């Protein structure tokens, strides 16, 4: 699964308000990689603008792998975007972690807080 997540502009932008599923354009290895079509990314930016939201990040899973950014995650990462990576095994969620590139292009872990 692959999702964009959005928060309110001008407020605490780290508060996620909306999540929208996006098609994985990867092709044959969707279980190992994800690829976002540039048109879908533009639509997400447009959705954010039309709804007075900020595009905060992208969620994807790492099946049977740790919730750490892969080399491919780093290669295709965008600045100022958070990457929520969830380690899963079958239907079990093992570990969620959130990452963002710093000025030196090194992923830094972000704190995740959930409200129920």
PDB file of N, CA and C in Angstrom:
ATOM      1  N   UNK A   1       0.843  -1.181   0.000  1.00  0.00           N
ATOM      2  CA  UNK A   1       0.000   0.000   0.000  1.00  0.00           C
ATOM      3  C   UNK A   1       0.881   1.236   0.000  1.00  0.00           C
ATOM      4  N   UNK A   2       0.349   2.272  -0.608  1.00  0.00           N
ATOM      5  CA  UNK A   2       1.078   3.521  -0.752  1.00  0.00           C
ATOM      6  C   UNK A   2       0.080   4.657  -0.553  1.00  0.00           C
ATOM      7  N   UNK A   3       0.422   5.591   0.318  1.00  0.00           N
ATOM      8  CA  UNK A   3      -0.497   6.672   0.659  1.00  0.00           C
ATOM      9  C   UNK A   3       0.244   8.001   0.741  1.00  0.00           C
ATOM     10  N   UNK A   4      -0.445   9.088   0.357  1.00  0.00           N
ATOM     11  CA  UNK A   4      -0.013  10.446   0.682  1.00  0.00           C
ATOM     12  C   UNK A   4      -0.713  10.833   1.975  1.00  0.00           C
ATOM     13  N   UNK A   5      -0.061  11.635   2.823  1.00  0.00           N
ATOM     14  CA  UNK A   5      -0.781  12.171   3.972  1.00  0.00           C
ATOM     15  C   UNK A   5      -0.595  13.675   4.056  1.00  0.00           C
ATOM     16  N   UNK A   6      -1.660  14.336   4.538  1.00  0.00           N
ATOM     17  CA  UNK A   6      -1.782  15.788   4.499  1.00  0.00           C
ATOM     18  C   UNK A   6      -2.114  16.337   5.884  1.00  0.00           C
ATOM     19  N   UNK A   7      -1.701  17.577   6.129  1.00  0.00           N
ATOM     20  CA  UNK A   7      -2.040  18.279   7.362  1.00  0.00           C
ATOM     21  C   UNK A   7      -2.467  19.700   7.056  1.00  0.00           C
ATOM     22  N   UNK A   8      -2.928  20.405   8.083  1.00  0.00           N
ATOM     23  CA  UNK A   8      -3.407  21.772   7.905  1.00  0.00           C
ATOM     24  C   UNK A   8      -2.254  22.742   7.724  1.00  0.00           C
ATOM     25  N   UNK A   9      -2.398  23.649   6.763  1.00  0.00           N
ATOM     26  CA  UNK A   9      -1.406  24.704   6.582  1.00  0.00           C
ATOM     27  C   UNK A   9      -1.565  25.741   7.673  1.00  0.00           C
ATOM     28  N   UNK A  10      -0.441  26.260   8.146  1.00  0.00           N
ATOM     29  CA  UNK A  10      -0.483  27.321   9.143  1.00  0.00           C
ATOM     30  C   UNK A  10      -0.731  26.826  10.556  1.00  0.00           C
ATOM     31  N   UNK A  11      -1.053  25.568  10.705  1.00  0.00           N
ATOM     32  CA  UNK A  11      -1.247  24.991  12.042  1.00  0.00           C
ATOM     33  C   UNK A  11      -0.032  24.107  12.318  1.00  0.00           C
ATOM     34  N   UNK A  12      -0.195  23.177  13.207  1.00  0.00           N
ATOM     35  CA  UNK A  12       0.883  22.202  13.409  1.00  0.00           C
ATOM     36  C   UNK A  12       0.868  21.267  12.216  1.00  0.00           C
ATOM     37  N   UNK A  13       1.768  21.521  11.282  1.00  0.00           N
ATOM     38  CA  UNK A  13       1.746  20.761  10.033  1.00  0.00           C
ATOM     39  C   UNK A  13       2.068  19.288  10.215  1.00  0.00           C
ATOM     40  N   UNK A  14       2.525  18.933  11.410  1.00  0.00           N
ATOM     41  CA  UNK A  14       2.796  17.520  11.624  1.00  0.00           C
ATOM     42  C   UNK A  14       1.557  16.758  12.071  1.00  0.00           C
ATOM     43  N   UNK A  15       0.432  17.446  12.187  1.00  0.00           N
ATOM     44  CA  UNK A  15      -0.829  16.788  12.526  1.00  0.00           C
ATOM     45  C   UNK A  15      -1.489  16.302  11.242  1.00  0.00           C
ATOM     46  N   UNK A  16      -1.527  15.004  11.051  1.00  0.00           N
ATOM     47  CA  UNK A  16      -2.117  14.437   9.842  1.00  0.00           C
ATOM     48  C   UNK A  16      -3.634  14.517   9.940  1.00  0.00           C
ATOM     49  N   UNK A  17      -4.248  15.050   8.899  1.00  0.00           N
ATOM     50  CA  UNK A  17      -5.709  15.191   8.850  1.00  0.00           C
ATOM     51  C   UNK A  17      -6.342  14.293   7.801  1.00  0.00           C
ATOM     52  N   UNK A  18      -5.631  14.037   6.696  1.00  0.00           N
ATOM     53  CA  UNK A  18      -6.189  13.277   5.576  1.00  0.00           C
ATOM     54  C   UNK A  18      -5.104  12.356   5.019  1.00  0.00           C
ATOM     55  N   UNK A  19      -5.495  11.148   4.651  1.00  0.00           N
ATOM     56  CA  UNK A  19      -4.606  10.232   3.940  1.00  0.00           C
ATOM     57  C   UNK A  19      -5.331   9.747   2.686  1.00  0.00           C
ATOM     58  N   UNK A  20      -4.632   9.790   1.564  1.00  0.00           N
ATOM     59  CA  UNK A  20      -5.215   9.354   0.297  1.00  0.00           C
ATOM     60  C   UNK A  20      -4.324   8.292  -0.333  1.00  0.00           C
ATOM     61  N   UNK A  21      -4.941   7.193  -0.726  1.00  0.00           N
ATOM     62  CA  UNK A  21      -4.172   6.128  -1.368  1.00  0.00           C
ATOM     63  C   UNK A  21      -3.723   6.577  -2.753  1.00  0.00           C
ATOM     64  N   UNK A  22      -2.526   6.173  -3.128  1.00  0.00           N
ATOM     65  CA  UNK A  22      -1.981   6.491  -4.445  1.00  0.00           C
ATOM     66  C   UNK A  22      -1.544   5.182  -5.102  1.00  0.00           C
ATOM     67  N   UNK A  23      -1.678   5.121  -6.404  1.00  0.00           N
ATOM     68  CA  UNK A  23      -1.313   3.922  -7.152  1.00  0.00           C
ATOM     69  C   UNK A  23       0.205   3.738  -7.138  1.00  0.00           C
ATOM     70  N   UNK A  24       0.634   2.522  -6.883  1.00  0.00           N
ATOM     71  CA  UNK A  24       2.045   2.168  -7.006  1.00  0.00           C
ATOM     72  C   UNK A  24       2.312   1.889  -8.476  1.00  0.00           C
ATOM     73  N   UNK A  25       3.095   2.738  -9.101  1.00  0.00           N
ATOM     74  CA  UNK A  25       3.367   2.662 -10.530  1.00  0.00           C
ATOM     75  C   UNK A  25       4.593   1.797 -10.835  1.00  0.00           C
ATOM     76  N   UNK A  26       5.024   1.004  -9.882  1.00  0.00           N
ATOM     77  CA  UNK A  26       6.277   0.244 -10.010  1.00  0.00           C
ATOM     78  C   UNK A  26       6.240  -0.807 -11.104  1.00  0.00           C
ATOM     79  N   UNK A  27       5.145  -1.475 -11.285  1.00  0.00           N
ATOM     80  CA  UNK A  27       5.112  -2.538 -12.285  1.00  0.00           C
ATOM     81  C   UNK A  27       5.118  -3.902 -11.623  1.00  0.00           C
ATOM     82  N   UNK A  28       6.106  -4.729 -11.964  1.00  0.00           N
ATOM     83  CA  UNK A  28       6.104  -6.125 -11.527  1.00  0.00           C
ATOM     84  C   UNK A  28       6.509  -6.349 -10.080  1.00  0.00           C
ATOM     85  N   UNK A  29       7.316  -5.475  -9.500  1.00  0.00           N
ATOM     86  CA  UNK A  29       7.830  -5.723  -8.147  1.00  0.00           C
ATOM     87  C   UNK A  29       7.218  -4.789  -7.113  1.00  0.00           C
ATOM     88  N   UNK A  30       5.901  -4.635  -7.154  1.00  0.00           N
ATOM     89  CA  UNK A  30       5.203  -3.737  -6.227  1.00  0.00           C
ATOM     90  C   UNK A  30       5.375  -4.152  -4.776  1.00  0.00           C
ATOM     91  N   UNK A  31       5.603  -5.426  -4.533  1.00  0.00           N
ATOM     92  CA  UNK A  31       5.794  -5.904  -3.155  1.00  0.00           C
ATOM     93  C   UNK A  31       7.162  -5.505  -2.607  1.00  0.00           C
ATOM     94  N   UNK A  32       8.092  -5.095  -3.467  1.00  0.00           N
ATOM     95  CA  UNK A  32       9.442  -4.733  -3.016  1.00  0.00           C
ATOM     96  C   UNK A  32       9.767  -3.256  -3.189  1.00  0.00           C
ATOM     97  N   UNK A  33       9.125  -2.590  -4.143  1.00  0.00           N
ATOM     98  CA  UNK A  33       9.460  -1.204  -4.458  1.00  0.00           C
ATOM     99  C   UNK A  33       8.197  -0.391  -4.654  1.00  0.00           C
ATOM    100  N   UNK A  34       8.345   0.930  -4.554  1.00  0.00           N
ATOM    101  CA  UNK A  34       7.230   1.783  -4.950  1.00  0.00           C
ATOM    102  C   UNK A  34       7.743   2.885  -5.858  1.00  0.00           C
ATOM    103  N   UNK A  35       6.849   3.308  -6.720  1.00  0.00           N
ATOM    104  CA  UNK A  35       7.155   4.386  -7.656  1.00  0.00           C
ATOM    105  C   UNK A  35       5.887   5.211  -7.808  1.00  0.00           C
ATOM    106  N   UNK A  36       6.018   6.520  -7.620  1.00  0.00           N
ATOM    107  CA  UNK A  36       4.872   7.415  -7.751  1.00  0.00           C
ATOM    108  C   UNK A  36       4.955   8.115  -9.094  1.00  0.00           C
ATOM    109  N   UNK A  37       3.891   8.002  -9.848  1.00  0.00           N
ATOM    110  CA  UNK A  37       3.804   8.689 -11.127  1.00  0.00           C
ATOM    111  C   UNK A  37       3.849  10.195 -10.873  1.00  0.00           C
ATOM    112  N   UNK A  38       4.665  10.951 -11.624  1.00  0.00           N
ATOM    113  CA  UNK A  38       4.732  12.406 -11.412  1.00  0.00           C
ATOM    114  C   UNK A  38       3.367  13.088 -11.497  1.00  0.00           C
ATOM    115  N   UNK A  39       2.486  12.585 -12.356  1.00  0.00           N
ATOM    116  CA  UNK A  39       1.141  13.157 -12.466  1.00  0.00           C
ATOM    117  C   UNK A  39       0.370  12.974 -11.155  1.00  0.00           C
ATOM    118  N   UNK A  40       0.501  11.804 -10.523  1.00  0.00           N
ATOM    119  CA  UNK A  40      -0.175  11.566  -9.243  1.00  0.00           C
ATOM    120  C   UNK A  40       0.380  12.482  -8.155  1.00  0.00           C
ATOM    121  N   UNK A  41       1.692  12.729  -8.195  1.00  0.00           N
ATOM    122  CA  UNK A  41       2.284  13.654  -7.225  1.00  0.00           C
ATOM    123  C   UNK A  41       1.735  15.064  -7.442  1.00  0.00           C
ATOM    124  N   UNK A  42       1.637  15.492  -8.702  1.00  0.00           N
ATOM    125  CA  UNK A  42       1.075  16.818  -8.998  1.00  0.00           C
ATOM    126  C   UNK A  42      -0.374  16.909  -8.535  1.00  0.00           C
ATOM    127  N   UNK A  43      -1.146  15.825  -8.723  1.00  0.00           N
ATOM    128  CA  UNK A  43      -2.534  15.813  -8.252  1.00  0.00           C
ATOM    129  C   UNK A  43      -2.594  15.938  -6.734  1.00  0.00           C
ATOM    130  N   UNK A  44      -1.659  15.309  -6.030  1.00  0.00           N
ATOM    131  CA  UNK A  44      -1.625  15.411  -4.567  1.00  0.00           C
ATOM    132  C   UNK A  44      -1.325  16.842  -4.141  1.00  0.00           C
ATOM    133  N   UNK A  45      -0.378  17.491  -4.804  1.00  0.00           N
ATOM    134  CA  UNK A  45      -0.066  18.891  -4.498  1.00  0.00           C
ATOM    135  C   UNK A  45      -1.277  19.782  -4.782  1.00  0.00           C
ATOM    136  N   UNK A  46      -1.965  19.508  -5.877  1.00  0.00           N
ATOM    137  CA  UNK A  46      -3.163  20.279  -6.229  1.00  0.00           C
ATOM    138  C   UNK A  46      -4.265  20.054  -5.189  1.00  0.00           C
ATOM    139  N   UNK A  47      -4.466  18.803  -4.766  1.00  0.00           N
ATOM    140  CA  UNK A  47      -5.457  18.491  -3.732  1.00  0.00           C
ATOM    141  C   UNK A  47      -5.142  19.275  -2.466  1.00  0.00           C
ATOM    142  N   UNK A  48      -3.869  19.285  -2.083  1.00  0.00           N
ATOM    143  CA  UNK A  48      -3.462  20.011  -0.876  1.00  0.00           C
ATOM    144  C   UNK A  48      -3.799  21.492  -1.003  1.00  0.00           C
ATOM    145  N   UNK A  49      -3.455  22.080  -2.129  1.00  0.00           N
ATOM    146  CA  UNK A  49      -3.710  23.511  -2.326  1.00  0.00           C
ATOM    147  C   UNK A  49      -5.205  23.818  -2.306  1.00  0.00           C
ATOM    148  N   UNK A  50      -5.989  23.012  -2.998  1.00  0.00           N
ATOM    149  CA  UNK A  50      -7.435  23.241  -3.077  1.00  0.00           C
ATOM    150  C   UNK A  50      -8.126  23.075  -1.726  1.00  0.00           C
ATOM    151  N   UNK A  51      -7.538  22.305  -0.837  1.00  0.00           N
ATOM    152  CA  UNK A  51      -8.148  22.029   0.464  1.00  0.00           C
ATOM    153  C   UNK A  51      -7.424  22.702   1.618  1.00  0.00           C
ATOM    154  N   UNK A  52      -6.568  23.672   1.284  1.00  0.00           N
ATOM    155  CA  UNK A  52      -5.800  24.422   2.287  1.00  0.00           C
ATOM    156  C   UNK A  52      -5.038  23.482   3.227  1.00  0.00           C
ATOM    157  N   UNK A  53      -4.396  22.493   2.616  1.00  0.00           N
ATOM    158  CA  UNK A  53      -3.607  21.513   3.347  1.00  0.00           C
ATOM    159  C   UNK A  53      -2.163  21.561   2.868  1.00  0.00           C
ATOM    160  N   UNK A  54      -1.305  20.909   3.594  1.00  0.00           N
ATOM    161  CA  UNK A  54       0.084  20.726   3.179  1.00  0.00           C
ATOM    162  C   UNK A  54       0.323  19.235   2.956  1.00  0.00           C
ATOM    163  N   UNK A  55       0.999  18.902   1.878  1.00  0.00           N
ATOM    164  CA  UNK A  55       1.405  17.516   1.653  1.00  0.00           C
ATOM    165  C   UNK A  55       2.565  17.229   2.595  1.00  0.00           C
ATOM    166  N   UNK A  56       2.312  16.421   3.605  1.00  0.00           N
ATOM    167  CA  UNK A  56       3.311  16.163   4.639  1.00  0.00           C
ATOM    168  C   UNK A  56       4.223  14.997   4.310  1.00  0.00           C
ATOM    169  N   UNK A  57       3.673  13.967   3.682  1.00  0.00           N
ATOM    170  CA  UNK A  57       4.527  12.815   3.474  1.00  0.00           C
ATOM    171  C   UNK A  57       3.881  11.679   2.723  1.00  0.00           C
ATOM    172  N   UNK A  58       4.627  10.589   2.719  1.00  0.00           N
ATOM    173  CA  UNK A  58       4.258   9.384   1.988  1.00  0.00           C
ATOM    174  C   UNK A  58       4.401   8.193   2.935  1.00  0.00           C
ATOM    175  N   UNK A  59       3.391   7.338   2.931  1.00  0.00           N
ATOM    176  CA  UNK A  59       3.418   6.107   3.731  1.00  0.00           C
ATOM    177  C   UNK A  59       3.654   4.932   2.796  1.00  0.00           C
ATOM    178  N   UNK A  60       4.536   4.047   3.180  1.00  0.00           N
ATOM    179  CA  UNK A  60       4.669   2.764   2.498  1.00  0.00           C
ATOM    180  C   UNK A  60       5.140   1.719   3.505  1.00  0.00           C
ATOM    181  N   UNK A  61       5.013   0.465   3.117  1.00  0.00           N
ATOM    182  CA  UNK A  61       5.386  -0.616   4.030  1.00  0.00           C
ATOM    183  C   UNK A  61       6.659  -1.307   3.556  1.00  0.00           C
ATOM    184  N   UNK A  62       7.315  -1.951   4.505  1.00  0.00           N
ATOM    185  CA  UNK A  62       8.465  -2.808   4.231  1.00  0.00           C
ATOM    186  C   UNK A  62       8.106  -4.216   4.714  1.00  0.00           C
ATOM    187  N   UNK A  63       7.599  -5.063   3.822  1.00  0.00           N
ATOM    188  CA  UNK A  63       7.251  -6.424   4.226  1.00  0.00           C
ATOM    189  C   UNK A  63       8.488  -7.219   4.658  1.00  0.00           C
ATOM    190  N   UNK A  64       8.410  -7.773   5.851  1.00  0.00           N
ATOM    191  CA  UNK A  64       9.477  -8.625   6.393  1.00  0.00           C
ATOM    192  C   UNK A  64      10.840  -7.944   6.429  1.00  0.00           C
ATOM    193  N   UNK A  65      10.835  -6.639   6.567  1.00  0.00           N
ATOM    194  CA  UNK A  65      12.058  -5.842   6.660  1.00  0.00           C
ATOM    195  C   UNK A  65      11.870  -4.807   7.763  1.00  0.00           C
ATOM    196  N   UNK A  66      12.962  -4.285   8.323  1.00  0.00           N
ATOM    197  CA  UNK A  66      12.813  -3.236   9.335  1.00  0.00           C
ATOM    198  C   UNK A  66      12.251  -1.947   8.740  1.00  0.00           C
ATOM    199  N   UNK A  67      11.708  -1.119   9.597  1.00  0.00           N
ATOM    200  CA  UNK A  67      11.117   0.163   9.177  1.00  0.00           C
ATOM    201  C   UNK A  67      12.209   1.223   9.034  1.00  0.00           C
ATOM    202  N   UNK A  68      13.220   0.887   8.269  1.00  0.00           N
ATOM    203  CA  UNK A  68      14.348   1.781   8.014  1.00  0.00           C
ATOM    204  C   UNK A  68      14.370   2.141   6.536  1.00  0.00           C
ATOM    205  N   UNK A  69      14.768   3.367   6.192  1.00  0.00           N
ATOM    206  CA  UNK A  69      14.831   3.737   4.776  1.00  0.00           C
ATOM    207  C   UNK A  69      15.829   2.849   4.021  1.00  0.00           C
ATOM    208  N   UNK A  70      15.387   2.366   2.890  1.00  0.00           N
ATOM    209  CA  UNK A  70      16.255   1.556   2.032  1.00  0.00           C
ATOM    210  C   UNK A  70      17.099   2.485   1.154  1.00  0.00           C
ATOM    211  N   UNK A  71      18.122   1.958   0.492  1.00  0.00           N
ATOM    212  CA  UNK A  71      18.868   2.788  -0.463  1.00  0.00           C
ATOM    213  C   UNK A  71      17.961   3.400  -1.533  1.00  0.00           C
ATOM    214  N   UNK A  72      16.959   2.639  -1.991  1.00  0.00           N
ATOM    215  CA  UNK A  72      16.019   3.192  -2.976  1.00  0.00           C
ATOM    216  C   UNK A  72      15.178   4.306  -2.372  1.00  0.00           C
ATOM    217  N   UNK A  73      14.767   4.146  -1.109  1.00  0.00           N
ATOM    218  CA  UNK A  73      14.017   5.218  -0.443  1.00  0.00           C
ATOM    219  C   UNK A  73      14.841   6.501  -0.459  1.00  0.00           C
ATOM    220  N   UNK A  74      16.115   6.388  -0.146  1.00  0.00           N
ATOM    221  CA  UNK A  74      16.972   7.574  -0.113  1.00  0.00           C
ATOM    222  C   UNK A  74      17.174   8.156  -1.506  1.00  0.00           C
ATOM    223  N   UNK A  75      17.381   7.302  -2.485  1.00  0.00           N
ATOM    224  CA  UNK A  75      17.635   7.771  -3.850  1.00  0.00           C
ATOM    225  C   UNK A  75      16.482   8.615  -4.382  1.00  0.00           C
ATOM    226  N   UNK A  76      15.251   8.234  -4.059  1.00  0.00           N
ATOM    227  CA  UNK A  76      14.090   8.913  -4.625  1.00  0.00           C
ATOM    228  C   UNK A  76      13.383   9.845  -3.643  1.00  0.00           C
ATOM    229  N   UNK A  77      13.949  10.035  -2.455  1.00  0.00           N
ATOM    230  CA  UNK A  77      13.310  10.879  -1.437  1.00  0.00           C
ATOM    231  C   UNK A  77      13.286  12.342  -1.866  1.00  0.00           C
ATOM    232  N   UNK A  78      12.208  13.007  -1.497  1.00  0.00           N
ATOM    233  CA  UNK A  78      12.036  14.435  -1.770  1.00  0.00           C
ATOM    234  C   UNK A  78      12.307  15.232  -0.501  1.00  0.00           C
ATOM    235  N   UNK A  79      12.827  16.450  -0.645  1.00  0.00           N
ATOM    236  CA  UNK A  79      13.054  17.277   0.549  1.00  0.00           C
ATOM    237  C   UNK A  79      11.733  17.702   1.177  1.00  0.00           C
ATOM    238  N   UNK A  80      11.752  17.911   2.471  1.00  0.00           N
ATOM    239  CA  UNK A  80      10.592  18.396   3.229  1.00  0.00           C
ATOM    240  C   UNK A  80       9.399  17.446   3.209  1.00  0.00           C
ATOM    241  N   UNK A  81       9.630  16.200   2.872  1.00  0.00           N
ATOM    242  CA  UNK A  81       8.576  15.192   2.879  1.00  0.00           C
ATOM    243  C   UNK A  81       8.941  14.147   3.930  1.00  0.00           C
ATOM    244  N   UNK A  82       7.976  13.789   4.755  1.00  0.00           N
ATOM    245  CA  UNK A  82       8.180  12.731   5.742  1.00  0.00           C
ATOM    246  C   UNK A  82       7.835  11.391   5.108  1.00  0.00           C
ATOM    247  N   UNK A  83       8.583  10.381   5.482  1.00  0.00           N
ATOM    248  CA  UNK A  83       8.365   9.032   4.965  1.00  0.00           C
ATOM    249  C   UNK A  83       8.012   8.122   6.130  1.00  0.00           C
ATOM    250  N   UNK A  84       6.727   7.781   6.215  1.00  0.00           N
ATOM    251  CA  UNK A  84       6.254   6.847   7.228  1.00  0.00           C
ATOM    252  C   UNK A  84       6.448   5.446   6.662  1.00  0.00           C
ATOM    253  N   UNK A  85       7.321   4.692   7.291  1.00  0.00           N
ATOM    254  CA  UNK A  85       7.628   3.330   6.848  1.00  0.00           C
ATOM    255  C   UNK A  85       7.154   2.377   7.941  1.00  0.00           C
ATOM    256  N   UNK A  86       6.353   1.401   7.527  1.00  0.00           N
ATOM    257  CA  UNK A  86       5.827   0.449   8.496  1.00  0.00           C
ATOM    258  C   UNK A  86       6.333  -0.942   8.148  1.00  0.00           C
ATOM    259  N   UNK A  87       7.023  -1.547   9.104  1.00  0.00           N
ATOM    260  CA  UNK A  87       7.481  -2.920   8.953  1.00  0.00           C
ATOM    261  C   UNK A  87       6.290  -3.840   9.209  1.00  0.00           C
ATOM    262  N   UNK A  88       6.035  -4.741   8.264  1.00  0.00           N
ATOM    263  CA  UNK A  88       4.903  -5.661   8.392  1.00  0.00           C
ATOM    264  C   UNK A  88       5.361  -7.093   8.129  1.00  0.00           C
ATOM    265  N   UNK A  89       4.643  -8.016   8.738  1.00  0.00           N
ATOM    266  CA  UNK A  89       4.840  -9.437   8.482  1.00  0.00           C
ATOM    267  C   UNK A  89       3.454 -10.046   8.347  1.00  0.00           C
ATOM    268  N   UNK A  90       3.115 -10.449   7.144  1.00  0.00           N
ATOM    269  CA  UNK A  90       1.752 -10.909   6.894  1.00  0.00           C
ATOM    270  C   UNK A  90       0.795  -9.760   7.140  1.00  0.00           C
ATOM    271  N   UNK A  91      -0.157  -9.960   8.048  1.00  0.00           N
ATOM    272  CA  UNK A  91      -1.102  -8.892   8.394  1.00  0.00           C
ATOM    273  C   UNK A  91      -0.709  -8.165   9.670  1.00  0.00           C
ATOM    274  N   UNK A  92       0.440  -8.521  10.239  1.00  0.00           N
ATOM    275  CA  UNK A  92       0.874  -7.925  11.501  1.00  0.00           C
ATOM    276  C   UNK A  92       1.758  -6.706  11.269  1.00  0.00           C
ATOM    277  N   UNK A  93       1.431  -5.628  11.967  1.00  0.00           N
ATOM    278  CA  UNK A  93       2.285  -4.440  11.966  1.00  0.00           C
ATOM    279  C   UNK A  93       3.356  -4.656  13.024  1.00  0.00           C
ATOM    280  N   UNK A  94       4.603  -4.636  12.602  1.00  0.00           N
ATOM    281  CA  UNK A  94       5.702  -4.866  13.538  1.00  0.00           C
ATOM    282  C   UNK A  94       6.227  -3.568  14.124  1.00  0.00           C
ATOM    283  N   UNK A  95       6.394  -2.560  13.259  1.00  0.00           N
ATOM    284  CA  UNK A  95       7.009  -1.330  13.741  1.00  0.00           C
ATOM    285  C   UNK A  95       6.775  -0.188  12.752  1.00  0.00           C
ATOM    286  N   UNK A  96       6.223   0.938  13.220  1.00  0.00           N
ATOM    287  CA  UNK A  96       6.147   2.130  12.365  1.00  0.00           C
ATOM    288  C   UNK A  96       7.272   3.104  12.736  1.00  0.00           C
ATOM    289  N   UNK A  97       7.882   3.681  11.734  1.00  0.00           N
ATOM    290  CA  UNK A  97       8.877   4.736  11.957  1.00  0.00           C
ATOM    291  C   UNK A  97       8.706   5.785  10.869  1.00  0.00           C
ATOM    292  N   UNK A  98       9.060   7.010  11.216  1.00  0.00           N
ATOM    293  CA  UNK A  98       8.921   8.116  10.279  1.00  0.00           C
ATOM    294  C   UNK A  98      10.286   8.781  10.098  1.00  0.00           C
ATOM    295  N   UNK A  99      10.597   9.133   8.857  1.00  0.00           N
ATOM    296  CA  UNK A  99      11.913   9.655   8.506  1.00  0.00           C
ATOM    297  C   UNK A  99      11.792  10.878   7.600  1.00  0.00           C
ATOM    298  N   UNK A 100      12.786  11.764   7.697  1.00  0.00           N
ATOM    299  CA  UNK A 100      12.863  12.908   6.784  1.00  0.00           C
ATOM    300  C   UNK A 100      14.335  13.225   6.543  1.00  0.00           C
ATOM    301  N   UNK A 101      14.650  13.600   5.301  1.00  0.00           N
ATOM    302  CA  UNK A 101      16.023  13.964   4.965  1.00  0.00           C
ATOM    303  C   UNK A 101      16.393  15.292   5.610  1.00  0.00           C
ATOM    304  N   UNK A 102      17.612  15.383   6.138  1.00  0.00           N
ATOM    305  CA  UNK A 102      18.104  16.662   6.650  1.00  0.00           C
ATOM    306  C   UNK A 102      18.896  17.384   5.547  1.00  0.00           C
ATOM    307  N   UNK A 103      19.548  18.479   5.896  1.00  0.00           N
ATOM    308  CA  UNK A 103      20.268  19.289   4.914  1.00  0.00           C
ATOM    309  C   UNK A 103      21.420  18.517   4.258  1.00  0.00           C
ATOM    310  N   UNK A 104      21.970  17.539   4.965  1.00  0.00           N
ATOM    311  CA  UNK A 104      23.080  16.738   4.432  1.00  0.00           C
ATOM    312  C   UNK A 104      22.590  15.486   3.700  1.00  0.00           C
ATOM    313  N   UNK A 105      21.288  15.417   3.440  1.00  0.00           N
ATOM    314  CA  UNK A 105      20.679  14.280   2.753  1.00  0.00           C
ATOM    315  C   UNK A 105      20.806  12.977   3.557  1.00  0.00           C
ATOM    316  N   UNK A 106      20.735  13.106   4.880  1.00  0.00           N
ATOM    317  CA  UNK A 106      20.746  11.952   5.776  1.00  0.00           C
ATOM    318  C   UNK A 106      19.364  11.850   6.419  1.00  0.00           C
ATOM    319  N   UNK A 107      18.791  10.656   6.400  1.00  0.00           N
ATOM    320  CA  UNK A 107      17.482  10.471   7.020  1.00  0.00           C
ATOM    321  C   UNK A 107      17.593  10.618   8.531  1.00  0.00           C
ATOM    322  N   UNK A 108      16.698  11.430   9.091  1.00  0.00           N
ATOM    323  CA  UNK A 108      16.580  11.599  10.536  1.00  0.00           C
ATOM    324  C   UNK A 108      15.212  11.073  10.954  1.00  0.00           C
ATOM    325  N   UNK A 109      15.191  10.319  12.043  1.00  0.00           N
ATOM    326  CA  UNK A 109      13.915   9.782  12.518  1.00  0.00           C
ATOM    327  C   UNK A 109      13.083  10.890  13.146  1.00  0.00           C
ATOM    328  N   UNK A 110      11.787  10.866  12.869  1.00  0.00           N
ATOM    329  CA  UNK A 110      10.831  11.805  13.449  1.00  0.00           C
ATOM    330  C   UNK A 110       9.977  11.061  14.470  1.00  0.00           C
ATOM    331  N   UNK A 111       9.535  11.776  15.459  1.00  0.00           N
ATOM    332  CA  UNK A 111       8.688  11.185  16.498  1.00  0.00           C
ATOM    333  C   UNK A 111       7.273  11.019  15.960  1.00  0.00           C
ATOM    334  N   UNK A 112       6.697   9.859  16.208  1.00  0.00           N
ATOM    335  CA  UNK A 112       5.311   9.582  15.826  1.00  0.00           C
ATOM    336  C   UNK A 112       4.468   9.589  17.091  1.00  0.00           C
ATOM    337  N   UNK A 113       3.394  10.356  17.065  1.00  0.00           N
ATOM    338  CA  UNK A 113       2.451  10.377  18.180  1.00  0.00           C
ATOM    339  C   UNK A 113       1.080  10.058  17.622  1.00  0.00           C
ATOM    340  N   UNK A 114       0.417   9.083  18.209  1.00  0.00           N
ATOM    341  CA  UNK A 114      -0.921   8.730  17.747  1.00  0.00           C
ATOM    342  C   UNK A 114      -1.947   9.108  18.801  1.00  0.00           C
ATOM    343  N   UNK A 115      -3.084   9.558  18.316  1.00  0.00           N
ATOM    344  CA  UNK A 115      -4.204   9.896  19.194  1.00  0.00           C
ATOM    345  C   UNK A 115      -5.337   8.949  18.873  1.00  0.00           C
ATOM    346  N   UNK A 116      -5.892   8.345  19.892  1.00  0.00           N
ATOM    347  CA  UNK A 116      -6.993   7.392  19.671  1.00  0.00           C
ATOM    348  C   UNK A 116      -8.270   7.973  20.223  1.00  0.00           C
TER     349      UNK A 116
END
